[in-house]
Amino acid sequence: MQKLAYALLFSVLFTPHAHAENGYGSLKLNHARQNLSSALLTSPRVTERVEAPDSSKSIVASFAMGYAFADGWRLEGEYTMPKHSTFKSYWAPFNANVNSQQVHSQRLMLNGYKDIPLNDWLSFYGMAGVGVARIDAEGYQTNETRRFASHRQHNFAYSVGMGLEAKVSEQLTLGAGYRYTAMGDVETGYNTFANRVNARDEQLKGKLKEQNMFLEARVSF
């Protein structure tokens, strides 16, 4: 899947497009909120989750290169810079032990857009994308000395969104929008510390999702 996503991105950026009207570059500033849903501490000795993991918010930039076609369609390759999130949870019967899962994610996506003009300068659009998320996950239990091993994975990711954009000049378009991205299941390695049964049988898991409210500047060339 990773090789396919890279091949699709390079085909968008570097293959001549006979029907393309405008190439463009864009910058998005994303107010990114990540959640780790369906979070699990895989241990045969826990009974139930006491508290769900926190969400994590930050500002993350993304960069894209693409082509705009005559019929309102656009196709682009986009890279989203790394985001670092920490999620904490507690499990019965060990309520005093906080499990802290640290997730580092970045994405490479192929996005399609459909612009719907509202007037000469304002447009509404819908978008969808597919690609690869590279995720590094690690964590600890109670304190930094009781660590779960780090684990890197490459997951299929998809996104959907919508927004409004205003054409400021022939070259510059400004916009704002919303996007939802799912990045699949993530997990740490197993515990490196000795638990009460002296076994390596615990790890942290969850489904990583992200919501963006973003501002965008797009320059045609």
N, C-alpha and C. Protein backbone atom coordinates (compact mmCIF):
# COMPACT_ATOMS: atom_id res chain seq x y z
N MET A 1 0.82 -1.20 0.00
CA MET A 1 0.00 0.00 0.00
C MET A 1 0.86 1.26 0.00
N GLN A 2 1.95 1.24 0.76
CA GLN A 2 2.83 2.40 0.81
C GLN A 2 3.43 2.67 -0.57
N LYS A 3 3.91 1.63 -1.26
CA LYS A 3 4.51 1.81 -2.57
C LYS A 3 3.48 2.34 -3.57
N LEU A 4 2.23 1.86 -3.46
CA LEU A 4 1.18 2.32 -4.36
C LEU A 4 0.90 3.80 -4.13
N ALA A 5 0.82 4.22 -2.87
CA ALA A 5 0.55 5.63 -2.59
C ALA A 5 1.65 6.54 -3.12
N TYR A 6 2.91 6.14 -2.92
CA TYR A 6 4.02 6.94 -3.44
C TYR A 6 3.98 7.00 -4.97
N ALA A 7 3.66 5.88 -5.61
CA ALA A 7 3.60 5.86 -7.07
C ALA A 7 2.50 6.78 -7.59
N LEU A 8 1.34 6.77 -6.90
CA LEU A 8 0.25 7.65 -7.31
C LEU A 8 0.61 9.11 -7.14
N LEU A 9 1.28 9.43 -6.03
CA LEU A 9 1.69 10.81 -5.79
C LEU A 9 2.65 11.29 -6.87
N PHE A 10 3.66 10.49 -7.18
CA PHE A 10 4.64 10.90 -8.19
C PHE A 10 3.99 11.04 -9.56
N SER A 11 2.99 10.18 -9.85
CA SER A 11 2.32 10.30 -11.15
C SER A 11 1.55 11.60 -11.25
N VAL A 12 0.96 12.07 -10.13
CA VAL A 12 0.24 13.34 -10.14
C VAL A 12 1.20 14.51 -10.31
N LEU A 13 2.33 14.46 -9.61
CA LEU A 13 3.23 15.62 -9.58
C LEU A 13 4.10 15.74 -10.80
N PHE A 14 4.50 14.61 -11.39
CA PHE A 14 5.55 14.66 -12.39
C PHE A 14 5.15 14.18 -13.78
N THR A 15 3.97 13.57 -13.94
CA THR A 15 3.55 13.14 -15.26
C THR A 15 2.87 14.29 -15.99
N PRO A 16 3.23 14.56 -17.26
CA PRO A 16 2.56 15.63 -18.00
C PRO A 16 1.07 15.36 -18.12
N HIS A 17 0.26 16.40 -17.97
CA HIS A 17 -1.19 16.28 -18.05
C HIS A 17 -1.68 17.12 -19.22
N ALA A 18 -2.10 16.43 -20.27
CA ALA A 18 -2.51 17.14 -21.48
C ALA A 18 -3.73 18.01 -21.24
N HIS A 19 -4.61 17.60 -20.26
CA HIS A 19 -5.85 18.32 -20.08
C HIS A 19 -5.80 19.26 -18.88
N ALA A 20 -4.68 19.33 -18.20
CA ALA A 20 -4.60 20.20 -17.03
C ALA A 20 -4.52 21.66 -17.45
N GLU A 21 -5.29 22.48 -16.77
CA GLU A 21 -5.27 23.91 -17.07
C GLU A 21 -4.28 24.65 -16.18
N ASN A 22 -4.23 24.32 -14.91
CA ASN A 22 -3.42 25.08 -13.97
C ASN A 22 -2.75 24.15 -12.97
N GLY A 23 -1.43 24.29 -12.86
CA GLY A 23 -0.76 23.68 -11.73
C GLY A 23 -0.83 24.63 -10.55
N TYR A 24 -0.72 24.08 -9.34
CA TYR A 24 -0.77 24.93 -8.15
C TYR A 24 0.00 24.29 -7.00
N GLY A 25 0.37 25.14 -6.07
CA GLY A 25 0.91 24.71 -4.80
C GLY A 25 0.05 25.28 -3.70
N SER A 26 -0.07 24.56 -2.58
CA SER A 26 -0.91 25.06 -1.50
C SER A 26 -0.28 24.78 -0.15
N LEU A 27 -0.66 25.62 0.80
CA LEU A 27 -0.27 25.46 2.20
C LEU A 27 -1.53 25.49 3.05
N LYS A 28 -1.68 24.49 3.93
CA LYS A 28 -2.78 24.46 4.88
C LYS A 28 -2.22 24.57 6.30
N LEU A 29 -2.88 25.36 7.13
CA LEU A 29 -2.64 25.37 8.57
C LEU A 29 -3.83 24.69 9.23
N ASN A 30 -3.57 23.50 9.78
CA ASN A 30 -4.64 22.66 10.30
C ASN A 30 -4.71 22.74 11.83
N HIS A 31 -5.88 23.09 12.35
CA HIS A 31 -6.13 22.90 13.77
C HIS A 31 -6.54 21.43 13.93
N ALA A 32 -5.58 20.61 14.35
CA ALA A 32 -5.75 19.16 14.31
C ALA A 32 -6.12 18.63 15.69
N ARG A 33 -7.21 17.90 15.76
CA ARG A 33 -7.62 17.22 16.99
C ARG A 33 -7.61 15.72 16.74
N GLN A 34 -6.72 15.01 17.42
CA GLN A 34 -6.64 13.56 17.28
C GLN A 34 -7.34 12.88 18.45
N ASN A 35 -7.98 11.76 18.13
CA ASN A 35 -8.61 10.91 19.14
C ASN A 35 -8.14 9.48 18.95
N LEU A 36 -8.00 8.77 20.04
CA LEU A 36 -7.67 7.35 19.99
C LEU A 36 -8.90 6.60 20.48
N SER A 37 -9.76 6.20 19.55
CA SER A 37 -10.99 5.51 19.92
C SER A 37 -10.74 4.02 20.05
N SER A 38 -11.68 3.34 20.69
CA SER A 38 -11.57 1.89 20.91
C SER A 38 -10.24 1.53 21.55
N ALA A 39 -9.78 2.38 22.45
CA ALA A 39 -8.46 2.17 23.06
C ALA A 39 -8.47 0.94 23.95
N LEU A 40 -7.38 0.18 23.87
CA LEU A 40 -7.28 -1.06 24.62
C LEU A 40 -5.93 -1.19 25.30
N LEU A 41 -5.92 -1.69 26.51
CA LEU A 41 -4.71 -2.19 27.14
C LEU A 41 -4.82 -3.70 27.08
N THR A 42 -4.06 -4.33 26.21
CA THR A 42 -4.18 -5.77 26.07
C THR A 42 -3.39 -6.44 27.19
N SER A 43 -4.10 -6.85 28.18
CA SER A 43 -3.54 -7.59 29.31
C SER A 43 -4.62 -8.54 29.80
N PRO A 44 -4.28 -9.78 30.08
CA PRO A 44 -5.29 -10.73 30.55
C PRO A 44 -5.78 -10.44 31.96
N ARG A 45 -5.20 -9.42 32.62
CA ARG A 45 -5.56 -9.19 34.02
C ARG A 45 -6.42 -7.96 34.24
N VAL A 46 -6.71 -7.19 33.21
CA VAL A 46 -7.59 -6.04 33.39
C VAL A 46 -9.03 -6.44 33.09
N THR A 47 -9.97 -5.70 33.69
CA THR A 47 -11.38 -6.05 33.55
C THR A 47 -12.17 -5.00 32.77
N GLU A 48 -11.89 -3.71 32.97
CA GLU A 48 -12.62 -2.67 32.26
C GLU A 48 -11.84 -1.37 32.28
N ARG A 49 -12.14 -0.51 31.31
CA ARG A 49 -11.51 0.80 31.24
C ARG A 49 -12.21 1.75 32.21
N VAL A 50 -11.44 2.45 33.00
CA VAL A 50 -11.99 3.39 33.96
C VAL A 50 -12.16 4.76 33.33
N GLU A 51 -11.21 5.17 32.50
CA GLU A 51 -11.25 6.49 31.87
C GLU A 51 -10.73 6.38 30.45
N ALA A 52 -11.44 7.01 29.51
CA ALA A 52 -11.02 6.96 28.11
C ALA A 52 -9.82 7.87 27.88
N PRO A 53 -9.05 7.61 26.84
CA PRO A 53 -7.90 8.48 26.54
C PRO A 53 -8.33 9.90 26.22
N ASP A 54 -7.47 10.85 26.50
CA ASP A 54 -7.72 12.24 26.16
C ASP A 54 -7.54 12.43 24.66
N SER A 55 -8.13 13.51 24.15
CA SER A 55 -7.83 13.93 22.79
C SER A 55 -6.63 14.87 22.82
N SER A 56 -6.03 15.09 21.67
CA SER A 56 -4.83 15.92 21.58
C SER A 56 -5.04 16.95 20.48
N LYS A 57 -4.76 18.25 20.79
CA LYS A 57 -4.96 19.33 19.84
C LYS A 57 -3.65 20.06 19.58
N SER A 58 -3.44 20.45 18.32
CA SER A 58 -2.27 21.25 17.97
C SER A 58 -2.47 21.83 16.57
N ILE A 59 -1.55 22.73 16.17
CA ILE A 59 -1.55 23.28 14.81
C ILE A 59 -0.50 22.54 13.99
N VAL A 60 -0.91 22.01 12.85
CA VAL A 60 -0.02 21.22 11.99
C VAL A 60 -0.13 21.75 10.56
N ALA A 61 1.00 21.89 9.89
CA ALA A 61 1.01 22.36 8.50
C ALA A 61 1.00 21.19 7.53
N SER A 62 0.43 21.42 6.36
CA SER A 62 0.51 20.45 5.27
C SER A 62 0.77 21.20 3.96
N PHE A 63 1.45 20.52 3.03
CA PHE A 63 1.85 21.11 1.76
C PHE A 63 1.35 20.22 0.63
N ALA A 64 0.94 20.83 -0.47
CA ALA A 64 0.41 20.06 -1.59
C ALA A 64 0.84 20.67 -2.92
N MET A 65 0.91 19.81 -3.92
CA MET A 65 1.11 20.21 -5.31
C MET A 65 0.05 19.51 -6.13
N GLY A 66 -0.58 20.23 -7.06
CA GLY A 66 -1.64 19.59 -7.81
C GLY A 66 -1.97 20.28 -9.11
N TYR A 67 -3.06 19.83 -9.74
CA TYR A 67 -3.55 20.39 -11.01
C TYR A 67 -5.04 20.64 -10.91
N ALA A 68 -5.46 21.76 -11.48
CA ALA A 68 -6.88 22.10 -11.57
C ALA A 68 -7.32 21.90 -13.02
N PHE A 69 -8.44 21.21 -13.22
CA PHE A 69 -8.95 20.91 -14.54
C PHE A 69 -10.11 21.84 -14.90
N ALA A 70 -10.49 21.84 -16.17
CA ALA A 70 -11.46 22.80 -16.67
C ALA A 70 -12.86 22.61 -16.09
N ASP A 71 -13.21 21.41 -15.67
CA ASP A 71 -14.58 21.13 -15.24
C ASP A 71 -14.76 21.23 -13.72
N GLY A 72 -13.83 21.87 -13.03
CA GLY A 72 -13.97 22.06 -11.59
C GLY A 72 -13.33 20.99 -10.74
N TRP A 73 -12.72 19.99 -11.36
CA TRP A 73 -12.04 18.95 -10.61
C TRP A 73 -10.59 19.34 -10.37
N ARG A 74 -10.06 18.93 -9.22
CA ARG A 74 -8.65 19.11 -8.89
C ARG A 74 -8.09 17.81 -8.34
N LEU A 75 -6.81 17.56 -8.60
CA LEU A 75 -6.12 16.38 -8.10
C LEU A 75 -4.78 16.83 -7.55
N GLU A 76 -4.43 16.35 -6.33
CA GLU A 76 -3.19 16.82 -5.70
C GLU A 76 -2.56 15.74 -4.85
N GLY A 77 -1.26 15.87 -4.66
CA GLY A 77 -0.53 15.09 -3.67
C GLY A 77 -0.22 15.98 -2.48
N GLU A 78 -0.46 15.49 -1.27
CA GLU A 78 -0.32 16.31 -0.06
C GLU A 78 0.50 15.58 0.99
N TYR A 79 1.40 16.31 1.63
CA TYR A 79 2.17 15.79 2.76
C TYR A 79 1.79 16.58 4.00
N THR A 80 1.39 15.88 5.07
CA THR A 80 1.08 16.50 6.35
C THR A 80 2.23 16.24 7.31
N MET A 81 2.74 17.30 7.89
CA MET A 81 3.91 17.21 8.75
C MET A 81 3.60 16.44 10.04
N PRO A 82 4.64 15.95 10.74
CA PRO A 82 4.42 15.12 11.92
C PRO A 82 3.62 15.82 13.02
N LYS A 83 2.74 15.04 13.65
CA LYS A 83 1.99 15.48 14.82
C LYS A 83 2.27 14.52 15.96
N HIS A 84 2.46 15.06 17.14
CA HIS A 84 2.78 14.26 18.33
C HIS A 84 1.61 14.36 19.31
N SER A 85 1.07 13.21 19.70
CA SER A 85 -0.08 13.17 20.60
C SER A 85 0.19 12.20 21.75
N THR A 86 -0.40 12.51 22.90
CA THR A 86 -0.32 11.63 24.06
C THR A 86 -1.73 11.34 24.55
N PHE A 87 -2.02 10.07 24.77
CA PHE A 87 -3.34 9.64 25.24
C PHE A 87 -3.16 8.84 26.52
N LYS A 88 -3.98 9.14 27.53
CA LYS A 88 -3.85 8.47 28.83
C LYS A 88 -5.14 7.74 29.19
N SER A 89 -4.99 6.59 29.84
CA SER A 89 -6.16 5.82 30.25
C SER A 89 -5.84 5.04 31.52
N TYR A 90 -6.90 4.63 32.21
CA TYR A 90 -6.79 3.86 33.46
C TYR A 90 -7.66 2.62 33.33
N TRP A 91 -7.20 1.53 33.94
CA TRP A 91 -7.88 0.26 33.80
C TRP A 91 -8.08 -0.39 35.17
N ALA A 92 -9.27 -0.92 35.39
CA ALA A 92 -9.54 -1.69 36.60
C ALA A 92 -8.99 -3.11 36.40
N PRO A 93 -8.48 -3.73 37.47
CA PRO A 93 -8.47 -3.28 38.87
C PRO A 93 -7.22 -2.48 39.24
N PHE A 94 -6.47 -1.96 38.25
CA PHE A 94 -5.22 -1.24 38.55
C PHE A 94 -5.43 0.26 38.30
N ASN A 95 -6.39 0.85 39.00
CA ASN A 95 -6.80 2.22 38.73
C ASN A 95 -5.70 3.24 38.97
N ALA A 96 -4.73 2.93 39.78
CA ALA A 96 -3.66 3.88 40.10
C ALA A 96 -2.60 3.94 39.01
N ASN A 97 -2.60 2.98 38.10
CA ASN A 97 -1.59 2.92 37.05
C ASN A 97 -2.10 3.63 35.79
N VAL A 98 -1.55 4.80 35.52
CA VAL A 98 -1.91 5.49 34.29
C VAL A 98 -1.11 4.89 33.14
N ASN A 99 -1.80 4.62 32.03
CA ASN A 99 -1.14 4.13 30.82
C ASN A 99 -1.07 5.28 29.83
N SER A 100 0.12 5.72 29.49
CA SER A 100 0.33 6.86 28.60
C SER A 100 0.83 6.36 27.25
N GLN A 101 0.01 6.55 26.21
CA GLN A 101 0.39 6.14 24.86
C GLN A 101 0.77 7.36 24.04
N GLN A 102 1.99 7.34 23.49
CA GLN A 102 2.52 8.45 22.71
C GLN A 102 2.52 8.05 21.24
N VAL A 103 1.87 8.87 20.41
CA VAL A 103 1.69 8.55 18.99
C VAL A 103 2.26 9.69 18.16
N HIS A 104 3.12 9.34 17.20
CA HIS A 104 3.72 10.31 16.28
C HIS A 104 3.28 9.92 14.87
N SER A 105 2.57 10.80 14.20
CA SER A 105 1.98 10.46 12.89
C SER A 105 2.29 11.51 11.85
N GLN A 106 2.40 11.05 10.60
CA GLN A 106 2.50 11.93 9.44
C GLN A 106 1.88 11.20 8.26
N ARG A 107 1.46 11.98 7.23
CA ARG A 107 0.68 11.38 6.15
C ARG A 107 1.15 11.84 4.78
N LEU A 108 0.96 10.96 3.80
CA LEU A 108 1.13 11.27 2.39
C LEU A 108 -0.14 10.85 1.69
N MET A 109 -0.86 11.83 1.09
CA MET A 109 -2.20 11.56 0.58
C MET A 109 -2.33 11.98 -0.88
N LEU A 110 -3.23 11.30 -1.58
CA LEU A 110 -3.66 11.68 -2.91
C LEU A 110 -5.11 12.14 -2.79
N ASN A 111 -5.37 13.43 -3.06
CA ASN A 111 -6.69 14.03 -2.81
C ASN A 111 -7.36 14.45 -4.11
N GLY A 112 -8.67 14.26 -4.16
CA GLY A 112 -9.49 14.75 -5.26
C GLY A 112 -10.49 15.77 -4.74
N TYR A 113 -10.69 16.85 -5.50
CA TYR A 113 -11.61 17.92 -5.12
C TYR A 113 -12.60 18.18 -6.25
N LYS A 114 -13.80 18.60 -5.88
CA LYS A 114 -14.78 19.09 -6.86
C LYS A 114 -15.23 20.47 -6.42
N ASP A 115 -14.89 21.49 -7.23
CA ASP A 115 -15.27 22.86 -6.94
C ASP A 115 -16.64 23.17 -7.54
N ILE A 116 -17.50 23.82 -6.75
CA ILE A 116 -18.83 24.22 -7.21
C ILE A 116 -18.94 25.74 -7.06
N PRO A 117 -18.85 26.49 -8.15
CA PRO A 117 -18.88 27.96 -8.06
C PRO A 117 -20.22 28.46 -7.51
N LEU A 118 -20.13 29.44 -6.60
CA LEU A 118 -21.31 30.12 -6.08
C LEU A 118 -21.51 31.46 -6.76
N ASN A 119 -20.41 32.09 -7.14
CA ASN A 119 -20.44 33.30 -7.96
C ASN A 119 -19.08 33.42 -8.65
N ASP A 120 -18.72 34.57 -9.13
CA ASP A 120 -17.47 34.72 -9.90
C ASP A 120 -16.22 34.51 -9.06
N TRP A 121 -16.31 34.71 -7.74
CA TRP A 121 -15.10 34.64 -6.92
C TRP A 121 -15.19 33.65 -5.75
N LEU A 122 -16.40 33.17 -5.44
CA LEU A 122 -16.58 32.28 -4.29
C LEU A 122 -17.03 30.90 -4.74
N SER A 123 -16.41 29.84 -4.15
CA SER A 123 -16.76 28.47 -4.51
C SER A 123 -16.88 27.61 -3.26
N PHE A 124 -17.73 26.60 -3.35
CA PHE A 124 -17.83 25.53 -2.36
C PHE A 124 -17.16 24.30 -2.94
N TYR A 125 -16.55 23.46 -2.09
CA TYR A 125 -15.96 22.23 -2.62
C TYR A 125 -16.14 21.07 -1.65
N GLY A 126 -16.15 19.89 -2.22
CA GLY A 126 -16.07 18.65 -1.47
C GLY A 126 -14.79 17.95 -1.85
N MET A 127 -14.25 17.13 -0.94
CA MET A 127 -12.99 16.44 -1.22
C MET A 127 -12.98 15.06 -0.58
N ALA A 128 -12.13 14.20 -1.13
CA ALA A 128 -11.86 12.88 -0.56
C ALA A 128 -10.42 12.51 -0.90
N GLY A 129 -9.79 11.75 -0.04
CA GLY A 129 -8.40 11.37 -0.27
C GLY A 129 -8.08 10.00 0.28
N VAL A 130 -7.04 9.40 -0.29
CA VAL A 130 -6.51 8.13 0.22
C VAL A 130 -4.99 8.23 0.24
N GLY A 131 -4.37 7.44 1.11
CA GLY A 131 -2.92 7.49 1.17
C GLY A 131 -2.36 6.63 2.27
N VAL A 132 -1.20 7.02 2.77
CA VAL A 132 -0.46 6.25 3.76
C VAL A 132 -0.15 7.13 4.96
N ALA A 133 -0.38 6.60 6.16
CA ALA A 133 0.02 7.26 7.40
C ALA A 133 1.16 6.46 8.02
N ARG A 134 2.27 7.16 8.30
CA ARG A 134 3.36 6.52 9.04
C ARG A 134 3.20 6.87 10.51
N ILE A 135 3.12 5.85 11.35
CA ILE A 135 2.80 6.04 12.76
C ILE A 135 3.83 5.33 13.62
N ASP A 136 4.39 6.07 14.57
CA ASP A 136 5.27 5.50 15.60
C ASP A 136 4.55 5.59 16.93
N ALA A 137 4.43 4.46 17.61
CA ALA A 137 3.71 4.42 18.88
C ALA A 137 4.60 3.82 19.96
N GLU A 138 4.58 4.45 21.12
CA GLU A 138 5.29 3.95 22.29
C GLU A 138 4.52 4.41 23.52
N GLY A 139 5.03 4.14 24.70
CA GLY A 139 4.33 4.59 25.88
C GLY A 139 4.95 4.05 27.16
N TYR A 140 4.27 4.35 28.25
CA TYR A 140 4.75 3.87 29.55
C TYR A 140 3.56 3.68 30.49
N GLN A 141 3.82 2.95 31.57
CA GLN A 141 2.81 2.70 32.60
C GLN A 141 3.29 3.28 33.92
N THR A 142 2.54 4.22 34.45
CA THR A 142 2.79 4.85 35.75
C THR A 142 3.96 5.85 35.70
N ASN A 143 5.15 5.41 35.25
CA ASN A 143 6.28 6.32 35.16
C ASN A 143 7.15 5.93 33.97
N GLU A 144 8.08 6.81 33.61
CA GLU A 144 8.88 6.66 32.38
C GLU A 144 9.78 5.44 32.38
N THR A 145 10.04 4.85 33.53
CA THR A 145 10.92 3.67 33.58
C THR A 145 10.18 2.40 33.17
N ARG A 146 8.86 2.43 33.20
CA ARG A 146 8.06 1.24 32.87
C ARG A 146 7.48 1.42 31.47
N ARG A 147 8.31 1.15 30.47
CA ARG A 147 7.97 1.51 29.11
C ARG A 147 7.44 0.33 28.30
N PHE A 148 6.57 0.69 27.35
CA PHE A 148 6.19 -0.23 26.29
C PHE A 148 7.14 0.01 25.11
N ALA A 149 7.52 -1.04 24.43
CA ALA A 149 8.45 -0.92 23.31
C ALA A 149 7.82 -0.08 22.19
N SER A 150 8.66 0.65 21.47
CA SER A 150 8.17 1.44 20.34
C SER A 150 7.86 0.53 19.15
N HIS A 151 6.93 1.01 18.32
CA HIS A 151 6.50 0.22 17.16
C HIS A 151 6.15 1.18 16.03
N ARG A 152 6.73 0.95 14.85
CA ARG A 152 6.43 1.76 13.65
C ARG A 152 5.57 0.96 12.69
N GLN A 153 4.57 1.62 12.11
CA GLN A 153 3.73 0.96 11.13
C GLN A 153 3.29 1.96 10.07
N HIS A 154 2.93 1.42 8.90
CA HIS A 154 2.42 2.23 7.80
C HIS A 154 1.00 1.76 7.51
N ASN A 155 0.02 2.65 7.72
CA ASN A 155 -1.38 2.30 7.61
C ASN A 155 -2.04 2.97 6.41
N PHE A 156 -3.03 2.29 5.85
CA PHE A 156 -3.92 2.93 4.88
C PHE A 156 -4.70 4.04 5.60
N ALA A 157 -4.78 5.22 4.98
CA ALA A 157 -5.52 6.34 5.54
C ALA A 157 -6.50 6.87 4.50
N TYR A 158 -7.63 7.38 4.98
CA TYR A 158 -8.58 8.02 4.07
C TYR A 158 -9.14 9.27 4.73
N SER A 159 -9.59 10.22 3.90
CA SER A 159 -10.13 11.46 4.43
C SER A 159 -11.29 11.94 3.57
N VAL A 160 -12.19 12.69 4.20
CA VAL A 160 -13.29 13.36 3.50
C VAL A 160 -13.41 14.75 4.11
N GLY A 161 -13.87 15.71 3.30
CA GLY A 161 -13.99 17.06 3.82
C GLY A 161 -14.75 17.97 2.89
N MET A 162 -14.87 19.23 3.31
CA MET A 162 -15.56 20.24 2.52
C MET A 162 -15.05 21.61 2.93
N GLY A 163 -15.31 22.63 2.09
CA GLY A 163 -14.83 23.96 2.43
C GLY A 163 -15.34 25.02 1.48
N LEU A 164 -14.96 26.25 1.79
CA LEU A 164 -15.25 27.42 0.96
C LEU A 164 -13.94 28.07 0.57
N GLU A 165 -13.88 28.62 -0.66
CA GLU A 165 -12.67 29.29 -1.11
C GLU A 165 -13.04 30.53 -1.91
N ALA A 166 -12.16 31.54 -1.78
CA ALA A 166 -12.37 32.82 -2.47
C ALA A 166 -11.17 33.09 -3.37
N LYS A 167 -11.45 33.42 -4.62
CA LYS A 167 -10.39 33.74 -5.57
C LYS A 167 -10.03 35.21 -5.42
N VAL A 168 -8.86 35.45 -4.81
CA VAL A 168 -8.42 36.82 -4.54
C VAL A 168 -7.85 37.47 -5.79
N SER A 169 -7.13 36.68 -6.60
CA SER A 169 -6.56 37.17 -7.85
C SER A 169 -6.45 35.98 -8.81
N GLU A 170 -5.90 36.21 -9.99
CA GLU A 170 -5.74 35.11 -10.94
C GLU A 170 -4.83 34.02 -10.40
N GLN A 171 -3.89 34.38 -9.52
CA GLN A 171 -2.94 33.41 -8.99
C GLN A 171 -3.27 32.92 -7.58
N LEU A 172 -3.92 33.75 -6.76
CA LEU A 172 -4.08 33.45 -5.34
C LEU A 172 -5.52 33.13 -4.98
N THR A 173 -5.72 32.00 -4.29
CA THR A 173 -7.02 31.60 -3.76
C THR A 173 -6.86 31.32 -2.26
N LEU A 174 -7.76 31.86 -1.45
CA LEU A 174 -7.77 31.63 0.00
C LEU A 174 -9.02 30.85 0.37
N GLY A 175 -8.89 29.97 1.37
CA GLY A 175 -10.04 29.15 1.74
C GLY A 175 -9.98 28.68 3.17
N ALA A 176 -11.09 28.07 3.60
CA ALA A 176 -11.21 27.47 4.92
C ALA A 176 -12.09 26.24 4.80
N GLY A 177 -11.85 25.24 5.63
CA GLY A 177 -12.64 24.03 5.52
C GLY A 177 -12.50 23.11 6.71
N TYR A 178 -13.16 21.96 6.57
CA TYR A 178 -13.17 20.90 7.59
C TYR A 178 -12.79 19.59 6.92
N ARG A 179 -12.03 18.76 7.66
CA ARG A 179 -11.63 17.46 7.11
C ARG A 179 -11.57 16.43 8.23
N TYR A 180 -12.03 15.23 7.92
CA TYR A 180 -11.94 14.08 8.84
C TYR A 180 -11.00 13.06 8.21
N THR A 181 -10.07 12.54 9.01
CA THR A 181 -9.10 11.55 8.52
C THR A 181 -9.05 10.37 9.47
N ALA A 182 -9.14 9.17 8.91
CA ALA A 182 -8.98 7.93 9.68
C ALA A 182 -7.64 7.31 9.30
N MET A 183 -6.85 6.95 10.32
CA MET A 183 -5.50 6.42 10.08
C MET A 183 -5.32 4.99 10.58
N GLY A 184 -6.40 4.30 10.90
CA GLY A 184 -6.34 2.88 11.19
C GLY A 184 -5.92 2.53 12.61
N ASP A 185 -5.66 1.25 12.81
CA ASP A 185 -5.29 0.73 14.12
C ASP A 185 -3.81 1.01 14.40
N VAL A 186 -3.52 1.43 15.61
CA VAL A 186 -2.13 1.65 16.02
C VAL A 186 -1.88 0.87 17.31
N GLU A 187 -0.63 0.49 17.52
CA GLU A 187 -0.29 -0.25 18.73
C GLU A 187 1.18 -0.03 19.07
N THR A 188 1.46 -0.09 20.36
CA THR A 188 2.84 -0.09 20.81
C THR A 188 3.39 -1.51 20.74
N GLY A 189 4.69 -1.66 21.01
CA GLY A 189 5.23 -2.98 21.26
C GLY A 189 4.81 -3.44 22.65
N TYR A 190 5.28 -4.61 23.04
CA TYR A 190 4.92 -5.16 24.35
C TYR A 190 5.73 -4.50 25.45
N ASN A 191 5.26 -4.69 26.68
CA ASN A 191 5.92 -4.10 27.84
C ASN A 191 7.36 -4.60 27.97
N THR A 192 8.27 -3.66 28.24
CA THR A 192 9.67 -4.01 28.50
C THR A 192 9.93 -4.14 29.99
N PHE A 193 8.98 -3.74 30.82
CA PHE A 193 9.11 -3.84 32.27
C PHE A 193 8.52 -5.16 32.77
N ALA A 194 8.91 -5.53 33.94
CA ALA A 194 8.39 -6.76 34.55
C ALA A 194 7.07 -6.45 35.25
N ASN A 195 5.98 -7.07 34.79
CA ASN A 195 4.70 -6.90 35.46
C ASN A 195 4.56 -7.93 36.59
N ARG A 196 3.40 -8.00 37.20
CA ARG A 196 3.26 -8.82 38.41
C ARG A 196 3.40 -10.32 38.15
N VAL A 197 3.23 -10.74 36.90
CA VAL A 197 3.44 -12.16 36.59
C VAL A 197 4.72 -12.37 35.80
N ASN A 198 5.55 -11.29 35.70
CA ASN A 198 6.83 -11.35 35.01
C ASN A 198 6.67 -11.86 33.57
N ALA A 199 5.69 -11.26 32.85
CA ALA A 199 5.42 -11.68 31.46
C ALA A 199 5.46 -10.46 30.55
N ARG A 200 5.76 -10.70 29.27
CA ARG A 200 5.72 -9.67 28.25
C ARG A 200 4.43 -9.86 27.46
N ASP A 201 3.31 -9.45 28.07
CA ASP A 201 2.01 -9.73 27.48
C ASP A 201 1.07 -8.51 27.52
N GLU A 202 1.62 -7.30 27.63
CA GLU A 202 0.80 -6.09 27.66
C GLU A 202 1.26 -5.14 26.55
N GLN A 203 0.30 -4.47 25.92
CA GLN A 203 0.59 -3.42 24.96
C GLN A 203 -0.60 -2.48 24.88
N LEU A 204 -0.39 -1.30 24.30
CA LEU A 204 -1.44 -0.30 24.16
C LEU A 204 -1.90 -0.24 22.71
N LYS A 205 -3.22 -0.16 22.51
CA LYS A 205 -3.78 -0.17 21.15
C LYS A 205 -4.89 0.86 21.03
N GLY A 206 -5.25 1.17 19.79
CA GLY A 206 -6.39 2.05 19.53
C GLY A 206 -6.54 2.36 18.05
N LYS A 207 -7.64 3.02 17.70
CA LYS A 207 -7.89 3.48 16.33
C LYS A 207 -7.65 4.98 16.29
N LEU A 208 -6.74 5.43 15.43
CA LEU A 208 -6.34 6.83 15.38
C LEU A 208 -7.18 7.58 14.35
N LYS A 209 -7.80 8.68 14.81
CA LYS A 209 -8.63 9.52 13.95
C LYS A 209 -8.25 10.98 14.18
N GLU A 210 -8.46 11.80 13.15
CA GLU A 210 -8.11 13.21 13.26
C GLU A 210 -9.16 14.07 12.60
N GLN A 211 -9.52 15.18 13.24
CA GLN A 211 -10.41 16.18 12.66
C GLN A 211 -9.64 17.49 12.50
N ASN A 212 -9.80 18.12 11.34
CA ASN A 212 -9.11 19.37 11.04
C ASN A 212 -10.10 20.48 10.73
N MET A 213 -9.90 21.63 11.31
CA MET A 213 -10.42 22.88 10.81
C MET A 213 -9.20 23.61 10.25
N PHE A 214 -9.25 24.04 8.99
CA PHE A 214 -8.02 24.55 8.39
C PHE A 214 -8.24 25.82 7.59
N LEU A 215 -7.15 26.56 7.45
CA LEU A 215 -7.05 27.70 6.54
C LEU A 215 -6.08 27.32 5.43
N GLU A 216 -6.37 27.74 4.20
CA GLU A 216 -5.54 27.34 3.07
C GLU A 216 -5.23 28.53 2.18
N ALA A 217 -3.99 28.56 1.68
CA ALA A 217 -3.60 29.50 0.63
C ALA A 217 -3.11 28.68 -0.56
N ARG A 218 -3.66 28.94 -1.74
CA ARG A 218 -3.30 28.19 -2.94
C ARG A 218 -2.82 29.15 -4.03
N VAL A 219 -1.68 28.86 -4.59
CA VAL A 219 -1.08 29.72 -5.61
C VAL A 219 -0.99 28.95 -6.92
N SER A 220 -1.59 29.49 -7.98
CA SER A 220 -1.55 28.86 -9.30
C SER A 220 -0.27 29.29 -10.05
N PHE A 221 0.19 28.40 -10.91
CA PHE A 221 1.37 28.73 -11.71
C PHE A 221 1.29 28.10 -13.09
